[in-house]
Amino acid sequence: MKLNLLDLIDTSGMADEDKKKWEDVDQALGKACESYIKDEIKIEDLRESIKTAMQSVNEFKKQNAAAVDKKTFEEKISDIEESILKMKAATEVSANGELRVKSVHEQLEMHLKDFLVQKDGTKKVDVEAIKKAGGLKVDLIVKADPQVTTTSGGGVVAGGITIDPNISVAPRRRSMLRELSNVASISTPQVIYAELKNVTGDAGWVPEGGLKPAIKAELDNKTITAGKVAVTFKITTEVMQDIPQLVAELQAEGLSKMDAEEEDGILNGDGQNGNIKGVAADFPAFALTGLEVESPNMYDAIVAAYTQIVSTSNMVYSPNAVRMNPVDYANMQLTKNKNGDYIRPFKVGDELISGLRAVQDPNVAIGSFTMGDFRYLFIRDYVGLTISFGWENDDFTHNRLTVVMEKRLLAYVKAQYKTAFVTDTYANVITAITKSAS
């Protein structure tokens, strides 16, 4: 949960000292935002910090207009301030002094506070009051569910459910891609970033007074625009009246579907009809040589892909997830040796290799997989989750409401980080690593 001022500026052609200046401005604005959210400074002080930061942007814009987003100075300030206010509304300071994202229940109750009434000793939502107000629109920040943790009894806990690690599979947690990736908020619908192409050279040892080795590369500026993902569905008036039931319904009917579609779009979107352009189409295939395995299986293929990523990057990348179809996941779970014993390569938390989690995704084709160090996948939220409650057509006579959920975001992987990923089929990798008969 961070605002990135640097996403508004193309720093590719800047001198190091100029880049450092912008990093300092970005860091100062970030500290001011956190202080405001923690109630350590007033809104007036925050506005002054935003204006100072944006005046720096504006001055730079006069000198190099192509390097800064084209929105006016006043619009940019308004956008940043609105984003910060949304963050403050969705967070609170925990007992240990750290910022905590409120639960969906807590955020909804806060937005509905003007429509709450006491009935039978419990808080109920006055739906008639919402109807008289012409409907309701709320903005939420939804944090990814916590990672699976080991219990003292050897089981694992996910979303409040204890799971036997020997026979059970942890249920899919919401927004796992967000949990794995580099996520931040932005206040502009477009991001400008620089990619490195045709990189040559590397670091090296030099004698005293000797020529230092140089890394050379071509710079290619990219502009990417946010897309919108949305869903609508119906709920009854009775569901709307009870906040816990409302939260459960929103999670089941809306959030889970939104998250699945968002993750598929980030990886596989075609850039058409409102879709964003997915990042996985440009991921490299398996091409590592030197591995020779007798009778390799799917797990061997995953180890081979992992080896390609860490070896070609000189251990710079550390793959943290492999996305696979649930059918392939099941086939790996059900593989037996010649004695009929199960060969389960999975560790606690669905790890296949230390730090590498298996993530089930029906949108991955059976027989294929995508692996990577997803910390190099950049997800930028332009408009967070917005939920609107209203009435349309015959909703009134059927005692129900229409719910609209939507968000706007973009995602990208810089060209120089593509090798942090591999996407291929198990069959192709198995063929490549099979030891030839001598």
Protein backbone atom coordinates (compact mmCIF):
# COMPACT_ATOMS: atom_id res chain seq x y z
CA MET A 1 0.00 0.00 0.00
CA LYS A 2 2.21 2.75 -1.33
CA LEU A 3 1.90 5.78 -3.60
CA ASN A 4 4.59 5.95 -6.28
CA LEU A 5 5.41 9.48 -7.37
CA LEU A 6 8.23 8.06 -9.48
CA ASP A 7 5.68 6.24 -11.64
CA LEU A 8 4.68 9.67 -12.98
CA ILE A 9 8.16 10.53 -14.20
CA ASP A 10 10.40 9.05 -16.89
CA THR A 11 13.85 9.02 -15.28
CA SER A 12 15.59 7.04 -18.06
CA GLY A 13 17.62 9.94 -19.44
CA MET A 14 18.43 11.61 -16.14
CA ALA A 15 21.80 11.99 -14.49
CA ASP A 16 22.26 10.00 -11.28
CA GLU A 17 22.08 13.14 -9.13
CA ASP A 18 18.74 14.11 -10.70
CA LYS A 19 17.35 10.61 -10.14
CA LYS A 20 18.46 10.82 -6.51
CA LYS A 21 16.58 14.10 -6.15
CA TRP A 22 13.35 12.50 -7.36
CA GLU A 23 13.86 9.50 -5.10
CA ASP A 24 14.24 11.89 -2.15
CA VAL A 25 11.03 13.75 -3.14
CA ASP A 26 9.18 10.43 -3.48
CA GLN A 27 10.47 9.24 -0.10
CA ALA A 28 9.50 12.51 1.60
CA LEU A 29 5.97 12.32 0.20
CA GLY A 30 5.72 8.69 1.30
CA LYS A 31 6.70 9.59 4.87
CA ALA A 32 4.17 12.43 4.91
CA CYS A 33 1.43 10.05 3.71
CA GLU A 34 2.26 7.52 6.43
CA SER A 35 2.36 10.22 9.11
CA TYR A 36 -1.08 11.46 8.05
CA ILE A 37 -2.55 7.96 8.04
CA LYS A 38 -1.12 7.44 11.53
CA ASP A 39 -2.69 10.75 12.68
CA GLU A 40 0.78 12.18 13.38
CA ILE A 41 0.20 15.21 11.14
CA LYS A 42 -2.90 17.12 10.05
CA ILE A 43 -4.44 17.14 6.59
CA GLU A 44 -3.19 20.72 6.08
CA ASP A 45 0.41 19.58 6.58
CA LEU A 46 -0.10 16.68 4.20
CA ARG A 47 -1.51 19.00 1.54
CA GLU A 48 1.55 21.20 1.89
CA SER A 49 3.79 18.15 1.36
CA ILE A 50 1.82 17.14 -1.73
CA LYS A 51 2.01 20.66 -3.14
CA THR A 52 5.76 20.79 -2.54
CA ALA A 53 6.24 17.46 -4.31
CA MET A 54 3.99 18.43 -7.22
CA GLN A 55 5.69 21.82 -7.61
CA SER A 56 8.92 19.89 -8.14
CA VAL A 57 7.17 17.81 -10.78
CA ASN A 58 5.75 20.93 -12.40
CA GLU A 59 9.15 22.62 -12.58
CA PHE A 60 10.65 19.52 -14.16
CA LYS A 61 7.71 19.37 -16.56
CA LYS A 62 8.56 22.85 -17.89
CA GLN A 63 12.05 21.67 -18.72
CA ASN A 64 11.12 18.24 -20.07
CA ALA A 65 7.40 17.97 -20.79
CA ALA A 66 7.70 14.53 -22.38
CA ALA A 67 8.96 13.01 -19.15
CA VAL A 68 5.94 13.84 -16.99
CA ASP A 69 2.32 12.79 -17.18
CA LYS A 70 0.25 15.39 -19.04
CA LYS A 71 -2.39 16.01 -16.37
CA THR A 72 -2.57 19.52 -14.98
CA PHE A 73 -0.89 20.42 -11.70
CA GLU A 74 -4.21 20.87 -9.85
CA GLU A 75 -5.69 17.61 -11.17
CA LYS A 76 -2.60 15.69 -10.08
CA ILE A 77 -2.73 17.10 -6.54
CA SER A 78 -6.42 16.21 -6.33
CA ASP A 79 -5.79 12.65 -7.54
CA ILE A 80 -2.96 12.04 -5.06
CA GLU A 81 -4.92 13.49 -2.15
CA GLU A 82 -7.97 11.36 -3.00
CA SER A 83 -5.83 8.22 -3.07
CA ILE A 84 -4.31 9.05 0.33
CA LEU A 85 -7.72 9.74 1.88
CA LYS A 86 -8.91 6.32 0.68
CA MET A 87 -5.85 4.70 2.25
CA LYS A 88 -6.45 6.45 5.57
CA ALA A 89 -10.08 5.38 5.64
CA ALA A 90 -9.08 1.75 5.09
CA THR A 91 -6.24 1.56 7.62
CA GLU A 92 -5.55 1.99 11.30
CA VAL A 93 -2.54 1.87 13.61
CA SER A 94 -2.21 -1.47 15.38
CA ALA A 95 -1.13 -1.96 18.99
CA ASN A 96 2.54 -2.33 17.94
CA GLY A 97 2.43 0.98 16.04
CA GLU A 98 2.29 -0.54 12.55
CA LEU A 99 -0.33 0.28 9.94
CA ARG A 100 -3.00 -2.37 9.50
CA VAL A 101 -5.47 -2.67 6.64
CA LYS A 102 -8.95 -2.97 8.11
CA SER A 103 -11.01 -6.03 7.21
CA VAL A 104 -13.74 -5.82 4.58
CA HIS A 105 -16.26 -6.03 7.44
CA GLU A 106 -14.68 -3.07 9.28
CA GLN A 107 -14.44 -0.93 6.14
CA LEU A 108 -18.04 -1.65 5.12
CA GLU A 109 -19.32 -0.85 8.61
CA MET A 110 -17.46 2.46 8.50
CA HIS A 111 -18.98 3.39 5.12
CA LEU A 112 -22.43 2.30 6.28
CA LYS A 113 -22.29 4.09 9.65
CA ASP A 114 -24.88 6.70 8.60
CA PHE A 115 -27.31 3.93 7.69
CA LEU A 116 -26.92 1.71 10.76
CA VAL A 117 -29.73 1.23 13.29
CA GLN A 118 -29.98 -0.86 16.44
CA LYS A 119 -32.51 -3.67 16.03
CA ASP A 120 -32.98 -6.60 18.41
CA GLY A 121 -29.69 -5.73 20.11
CA THR A 122 -27.64 -5.86 16.90
CA LYS A 123 -26.58 -3.37 14.24
CA LYS A 124 -28.72 -3.52 11.11
CA VAL A 125 -28.46 -1.59 7.83
CA ASP A 126 -31.43 0.66 7.08
CA VAL A 127 -31.91 -0.28 3.42
CA GLU A 128 -34.81 2.15 3.02
CA ALA A 129 -32.51 5.02 4.04
CA ILE A 130 -29.99 3.95 1.39
CA LYS A 131 -32.79 3.81 -1.16
CA LYS A 132 -33.91 7.34 -0.27
CA ALA A 133 -30.30 8.50 -0.67
CA GLY A 134 -30.29 7.16 -4.22
CA GLY A 135 -27.97 4.24 -3.56
CA LEU A 136 -24.50 3.94 -2.06
CA LYS A 137 -20.95 3.81 -3.42
CA VAL A 138 -17.98 2.77 -1.27
CA ASP A 139 -14.23 2.40 -1.85
CA LEU A 140 -12.39 -0.50 -0.22
CA ILE A 141 -8.81 -1.69 0.05
CA VAL A 142 -8.75 -5.49 0.06
CA LYS A 143 -5.56 -7.00 1.42
CA ALA A 144 -4.41 -10.44 0.29
CA ASP A 145 -5.23 -13.19 2.76
CA PRO A 146 -2.36 -14.16 5.08
CA GLN A 147 0.01 -16.94 4.14
CA VAL A 148 -0.50 -20.44 5.41
CA THR A 149 1.19 -20.91 8.80
CA THR A 150 2.19 -24.07 10.63
CA THR A 151 0.39 -24.93 13.86
CA SER A 152 1.95 -26.66 16.87
CA GLY A 153 0.09 -29.85 15.98
CA GLY A 154 1.71 -30.13 12.57
CA GLY A 155 -1.32 -28.92 10.60
CA VAL A 156 -1.56 -25.70 8.66
CA VAL A 157 -4.02 -22.85 8.98
CA ALA A 158 -5.48 -20.92 6.04
CA GLY A 159 -8.33 -18.49 6.48
CA GLY A 160 -9.19 -19.94 9.89
CA ILE A 161 -9.31 -23.54 8.64
CA THR A 162 -6.92 -26.15 10.05
CA ILE A 163 -5.71 -28.58 7.40
CA ASP A 164 -4.08 -31.98 7.74
CA PRO A 165 -0.82 -31.63 5.73
CA ASN A 166 -0.72 -35.33 4.92
CA ILE A 167 -4.02 -35.67 3.09
CA SER A 168 -5.40 -32.20 2.46
CA VAL A 169 -4.81 -29.33 0.07
CA ALA A 170 -4.98 -25.76 1.38
CA PRO A 171 -7.87 -23.84 -0.17
CA ARG A 172 -6.94 -21.20 -2.73
CA ARG A 173 -6.37 -17.89 -0.97
CA ARG A 174 -7.68 -14.65 -2.44
CA SER A 175 -5.34 -12.52 -4.59
CA MET A 176 -2.33 -14.80 -4.31
CA LEU A 177 -0.74 -13.06 -7.30
CA ARG A 178 -0.83 -9.80 -5.35
CA GLU A 179 0.76 -11.52 -2.36
CA LEU A 180 3.68 -12.59 -4.56
CA SER A 181 4.17 -9.47 -6.69
CA ASN A 182 5.35 -5.85 -6.42
CA VAL A 183 2.13 -3.90 -5.69
CA ALA A 184 1.62 -0.13 -5.27
CA SER A 185 -1.04 2.55 -5.79
CA ILE A 186 -0.74 5.21 -8.49
CA SER A 187 -2.65 8.46 -9.05
CA THR A 188 -2.53 8.47 -12.85
CA PRO A 189 -4.13 6.07 -15.37
CA GLN A 190 -0.82 5.72 -17.19
CA VAL A 191 2.69 4.72 -16.16
CA ILE A 192 5.89 5.58 -18.04
CA TYR A 193 8.85 3.30 -17.45
CA ALA A 194 12.18 2.55 -19.12
CA GLU A 195 13.25 -0.88 -20.36
CA LEU A 196 16.82 -1.97 -21.07
CA LYS A 197 17.46 -3.75 -24.37
CA ASN A 198 20.54 -5.38 -25.89
CA VAL A 199 22.45 -5.27 -22.61
CA THR A 200 26.17 -6.00 -22.86
CA GLY A 201 29.00 -5.96 -20.32
CA ASP A 202 29.23 -6.85 -16.65
CA ALA A 203 31.10 -6.02 -13.46
CA GLY A 204 34.72 -7.12 -13.26
CA TRP A 205 38.06 -6.81 -11.45
CA VAL A 206 40.42 -4.09 -12.65
CA PRO A 207 44.00 -3.12 -11.78
CA GLU A 208 44.66 0.20 -10.08
CA GLY A 209 44.19 2.98 -12.61
CA GLY A 210 42.67 0.53 -15.08
CA LEU A 211 39.57 1.10 -17.19
CA LYS A 212 36.40 0.16 -15.34
CA PRO A 213 34.09 -2.25 -17.18
CA ALA A 214 30.87 -0.68 -18.42
CA ILE A 215 27.40 -2.07 -18.84
CA LYS A 216 25.83 -0.76 -22.05
CA ALA A 217 22.20 -0.99 -23.06
CA GLU A 218 19.58 0.67 -25.23
CA LEU A 219 16.78 2.46 -23.39
CA ASP A 220 13.22 2.00 -24.59
CA ASN A 221 10.48 4.08 -22.96
CA LYS A 222 7.13 2.35 -22.47
CA THR A 223 3.72 3.79 -21.61
CA ILE A 224 1.05 1.49 -20.22
CA THR A 225 -2.60 2.36 -19.48
CA ALA A 226 -4.85 0.99 -16.75
CA GLY A 227 -7.81 -1.26 -17.58
CA LYS A 228 -11.05 -1.92 -15.71
CA VAL A 229 -12.30 -5.25 -14.34
CA ALA A 230 -15.90 -5.39 -13.09
CA VAL A 231 -18.79 -7.65 -12.10
CA THR A 232 -22.46 -7.14 -11.18
CA PHE A 233 -24.79 -9.42 -9.24
CA LYS A 234 -27.98 -9.36 -7.15
CA ILE A 235 -28.48 -9.65 -3.40
CA THR A 236 -31.66 -9.59 -1.34
CA THR A 237 -32.68 -6.76 0.98
CA GLU A 238 -32.33 -9.16 3.91
CA VAL A 239 -28.68 -9.83 3.03
CA MET A 240 -27.99 -6.10 2.82
CA GLN A 241 -29.39 -5.54 6.31
CA ASP A 242 -26.90 -7.87 8.01
CA ILE A 243 -23.25 -6.80 7.66
CA PRO A 244 -21.59 -10.21 8.34
CA GLN A 245 -23.90 -11.87 5.82
CA LEU A 246 -23.33 -9.01 3.38
CA VAL A 247 -19.55 -9.43 3.64
CA ALA A 248 -19.85 -13.20 3.07
CA GLU A 249 -22.03 -12.60 0.00
CA LEU A 250 -19.68 -9.97 -1.42
CA GLN A 251 -16.71 -12.30 -0.99
CA ALA A 252 -18.46 -15.31 -2.52
CA GLU A 253 -20.27 -13.61 -5.41
CA GLY A 254 -17.95 -10.72 -6.17
CA LEU A 255 -14.45 -10.64 -4.69
CA SER A 256 -13.50 -14.21 -5.61
CA LYS A 257 -14.67 -13.75 -9.22
CA MET A 258 -13.00 -10.34 -9.51
CA ASP A 259 -9.71 -11.71 -8.21
CA ALA A 260 -9.75 -14.71 -10.57
CA GLU A 261 -10.47 -12.48 -13.57
CA GLU A 262 -7.87 -9.93 -12.48
CA GLU A 263 -5.15 -12.55 -12.15
CA ASP A 264 -6.00 -14.06 -15.55
CA GLY A 265 -5.95 -10.61 -17.17
CA ILE A 266 -2.61 -9.67 -15.61
CA LEU A 267 -1.01 -12.82 -16.99
CA ASN A 268 -3.01 -13.63 -20.14
CA GLY A 269 -5.00 -10.52 -21.16
CA ASP A 270 -5.07 -9.82 -24.91
CA GLY A 271 -5.29 -6.03 -24.68
CA GLN A 272 -8.61 -6.01 -26.57
CA ASN A 273 -12.14 -4.90 -25.60
CA GLY A 274 -11.07 -3.31 -22.33
CA ASN A 275 -8.63 -6.06 -21.29
CA ILE A 276 -5.15 -5.10 -20.22
CA LYS A 277 -2.22 -6.68 -22.07
CA GLY A 278 -1.05 -9.69 -20.12
CA VAL A 279 2.61 -10.12 -19.25
CA ALA A 280 3.01 -13.89 -19.72
CA ALA A 281 3.02 -13.83 -23.55
CA ASP A 282 6.58 -12.50 -23.51
CA PHE A 283 7.96 -14.90 -20.92
CA PRO A 284 10.75 -17.14 -22.27
CA ALA A 285 10.36 -20.87 -22.81
CA PHE A 286 12.63 -23.52 -21.32
CA ALA A 287 16.01 -23.54 -23.09
CA LEU A 288 18.56 -24.69 -20.51
CA THR A 289 21.08 -27.31 -21.63
CA GLY A 290 23.20 -29.67 -19.59
CA LEU A 291 20.48 -31.43 -17.59
CA GLU A 292 20.15 -35.19 -18.19
CA VAL A 293 17.51 -37.10 -16.24
CA GLU A 294 16.46 -40.72 -16.55
CA SER A 295 12.67 -41.10 -16.95
CA PRO A 296 11.87 -37.52 -15.92
CA ASN A 297 8.39 -36.59 -14.67
CA MET A 298 6.45 -33.34 -14.11
CA TYR A 299 8.30 -32.54 -10.90
CA ASP A 300 11.62 -32.93 -12.72
CA ALA A 301 10.37 -30.47 -15.34
CA ILE A 302 9.61 -27.92 -12.61
CA VAL A 303 13.06 -28.39 -11.04
CA ALA A 304 14.62 -27.89 -14.49
CA ALA A 305 12.69 -24.65 -15.07
CA TYR A 306 13.68 -23.44 -11.60
CA THR A 307 17.31 -24.20 -12.40
CA GLN A 308 17.12 -22.20 -15.63
CA ILE A 309 15.90 -19.09 -13.79
CA VAL A 310 18.45 -19.18 -10.97
CA SER A 311 21.43 -20.23 -13.09
CA THR A 312 20.97 -17.81 -16.01
CA SER A 313 20.52 -14.93 -13.54
CA ASN A 314 23.57 -15.92 -11.47
CA MET A 315 21.21 -16.48 -8.52
CA VAL A 316 19.80 -12.94 -8.73
CA TYR A 317 16.25 -14.29 -9.15
CA SER A 318 14.57 -16.64 -6.70
CA PRO A 319 11.34 -18.09 -8.16
CA ASN A 320 8.54 -17.86 -5.59
CA ALA A 321 5.63 -19.52 -7.44
CA VAL A 322 4.72 -21.91 -10.21
CA ARG A 323 1.19 -21.62 -11.57
CA MET A 324 -0.37 -24.85 -12.81
CA ASN A 325 -3.73 -26.29 -13.73
CA PRO A 326 -5.54 -28.12 -10.88
CA VAL A 327 -5.56 -31.29 -13.01
CA ASP A 328 -1.77 -31.24 -13.28
CA TYR A 329 -1.55 -30.47 -9.57
CA ALA A 330 -3.71 -33.53 -8.84
CA ASN A 331 -1.64 -35.72 -11.16
CA MET A 332 1.50 -34.75 -9.24
CA GLN A 333 -0.28 -35.51 -5.96
CA LEU A 334 -1.41 -38.92 -7.21
CA THR A 335 1.85 -40.14 -8.77
CA LYS A 336 3.00 -43.50 -7.30
CA ASN A 337 6.19 -45.52 -7.44
CA LYS A 338 6.40 -49.12 -8.60
CA ASN A 339 5.34 -50.31 -5.14
CA GLY A 340 2.14 -48.24 -5.24
CA ASP A 341 3.41 -45.70 -2.71
CA TYR A 342 2.52 -42.05 -3.28
CA ILE A 343 5.37 -39.77 -4.32
CA ARG A 344 4.32 -36.38 -3.01
CA PRO A 345 6.86 -33.66 -3.85
CA PHE A 346 4.85 -31.04 -1.93
CA LYS A 347 6.02 -29.64 1.36
CA VAL A 348 3.89 -27.75 3.93
CA GLY A 349 2.23 -24.76 2.27
CA ASP A 350 2.36 -26.34 -1.22
CA GLU A 351 6.09 -25.67 -1.64
CA LEU A 352 7.82 -27.78 -4.28
CA ILE A 353 11.29 -26.33 -3.72
CA SER A 354 12.20 -24.15 -0.74
CA GLY A 355 10.43 -20.84 -1.36
CA LEU A 356 8.64 -22.07 -4.51
CA ARG A 357 4.88 -22.45 -4.06
CA ALA A 358 2.53 -24.34 -6.33
CA VAL A 359 -0.45 -22.13 -7.22
CA GLN A 360 -3.49 -23.78 -8.79
CA ASP A 361 -5.12 -21.77 -11.58
CA PRO A 362 -7.81 -23.19 -13.92
CA ASN A 363 -6.82 -20.53 -16.49
CA VAL A 364 -3.47 -22.28 -16.99
CA ALA A 365 -3.85 -24.84 -19.80
CA ILE A 366 -3.56 -28.48 -18.77
CA GLY A 367 -0.01 -29.60 -19.45
CA SER A 368 1.44 -26.11 -19.16
CA PHE A 369 2.95 -24.04 -16.33
CA THR A 370 4.27 -20.56 -15.61
CA MET A 371 7.04 -20.13 -13.06
CA GLY A 372 8.80 -17.01 -11.90
CA ASP A 373 10.14 -14.61 -9.35
CA PHE A 374 6.91 -12.62 -9.23
CA ARG A 375 8.57 -9.83 -7.26
CA TYR A 376 9.52 -8.55 -10.71
CA LEU A 377 5.88 -8.35 -11.77
CA PHE A 378 4.68 -4.79 -11.11
CA ILE A 379 0.97 -4.36 -10.32
CA ARG A 380 -0.21 -0.76 -10.05
CA ASP A 381 -3.69 0.11 -8.74
CA TYR A 382 -5.15 3.28 -10.24
CA VAL A 383 -8.65 2.95 -8.74
CA GLY A 384 -9.05 0.48 -5.88
CA LEU A 385 -12.09 -1.71 -5.36
CA THR A 386 -15.32 0.29 -5.66
CA ILE A 387 -18.67 -1.25 -4.66
CA SER A 388 -21.98 0.38 -5.61
CA PHE A 389 -25.38 -0.64 -4.26
CA GLY A 390 -28.48 0.41 -6.19
CA TRP A 391 -31.78 -0.59 -7.75
CA GLU A 392 -32.59 -1.31 -11.40
CA ASN A 393 -35.50 -2.71 -13.42
CA ASP A 394 -37.72 -4.86 -11.14
CA ASP A 395 -35.32 -4.96 -8.15
CA PHE A 396 -37.77 -2.99 -5.98
CA THR A 397 -40.68 -5.40 -6.46
CA HIS A 398 -38.44 -8.43 -5.94
CA ASN A 399 -36.99 -7.06 -2.70
CA ARG A 400 -33.38 -7.08 -3.94
CA LEU A 401 -30.49 -4.79 -4.86
CA THR A 402 -27.94 -4.69 -7.66
CA VAL A 403 -24.26 -4.71 -6.65
CA VAL A 404 -21.56 -3.38 -8.99
CA MET A 405 -17.90 -4.10 -8.20
CA GLU A 406 -15.07 -2.58 -10.22
CA LYS A 407 -11.41 -1.60 -10.06
CA ARG A 408 -8.81 -0.12 -12.44
CA LEU A 409 -5.23 -1.31 -12.57
CA LEU A 410 -2.28 -2.06 -14.81
CA ALA A 411 0.62 -4.51 -14.73
CA TYR A 412 3.95 -4.93 -16.45
CA VAL A 413 7.28 -6.75 -16.39
CA LYS A 414 10.27 -4.82 -17.69
CA ALA A 415 12.14 -6.41 -20.59
CA GLN A 416 15.31 -6.86 -18.52
CA TYR A 417 13.36 -8.95 -15.99
CA LYS A 418 11.70 -11.38 -18.41
CA THR A 419 14.31 -14.04 -17.64
CA ALA A 420 12.97 -14.17 -14.08
CA PHE A 421 10.15 -16.27 -15.60
CA VAL A 422 9.64 -19.44 -17.63
CA THR A 423 6.44 -20.59 -19.32
CA ASP A 424 6.28 -23.89 -21.20
CA THR A 425 4.70 -27.33 -21.26
CA TYR A 426 5.81 -30.23 -19.09
CA ALA A 427 6.15 -32.35 -22.25
CA ASN A 428 8.61 -29.92 -23.88
CA VAL A 429 10.77 -29.70 -20.77
CA ILE A 430 10.69 -33.46 -20.18
CA THR A 431 11.81 -34.07 -23.77
CA ALA A 432 14.65 -31.55 -23.36
CA ILE A 433 16.03 -33.06 -20.14
CA THR A 434 15.55 -36.77 -20.91
CA LYS A 435 18.86 -38.58 -20.81
CA SER A 436 19.59 -40.17 -24.17
CA ALA A 437 20.22 -43.91 -24.35
CA SER A 438 23.95 -44.64 -24.45
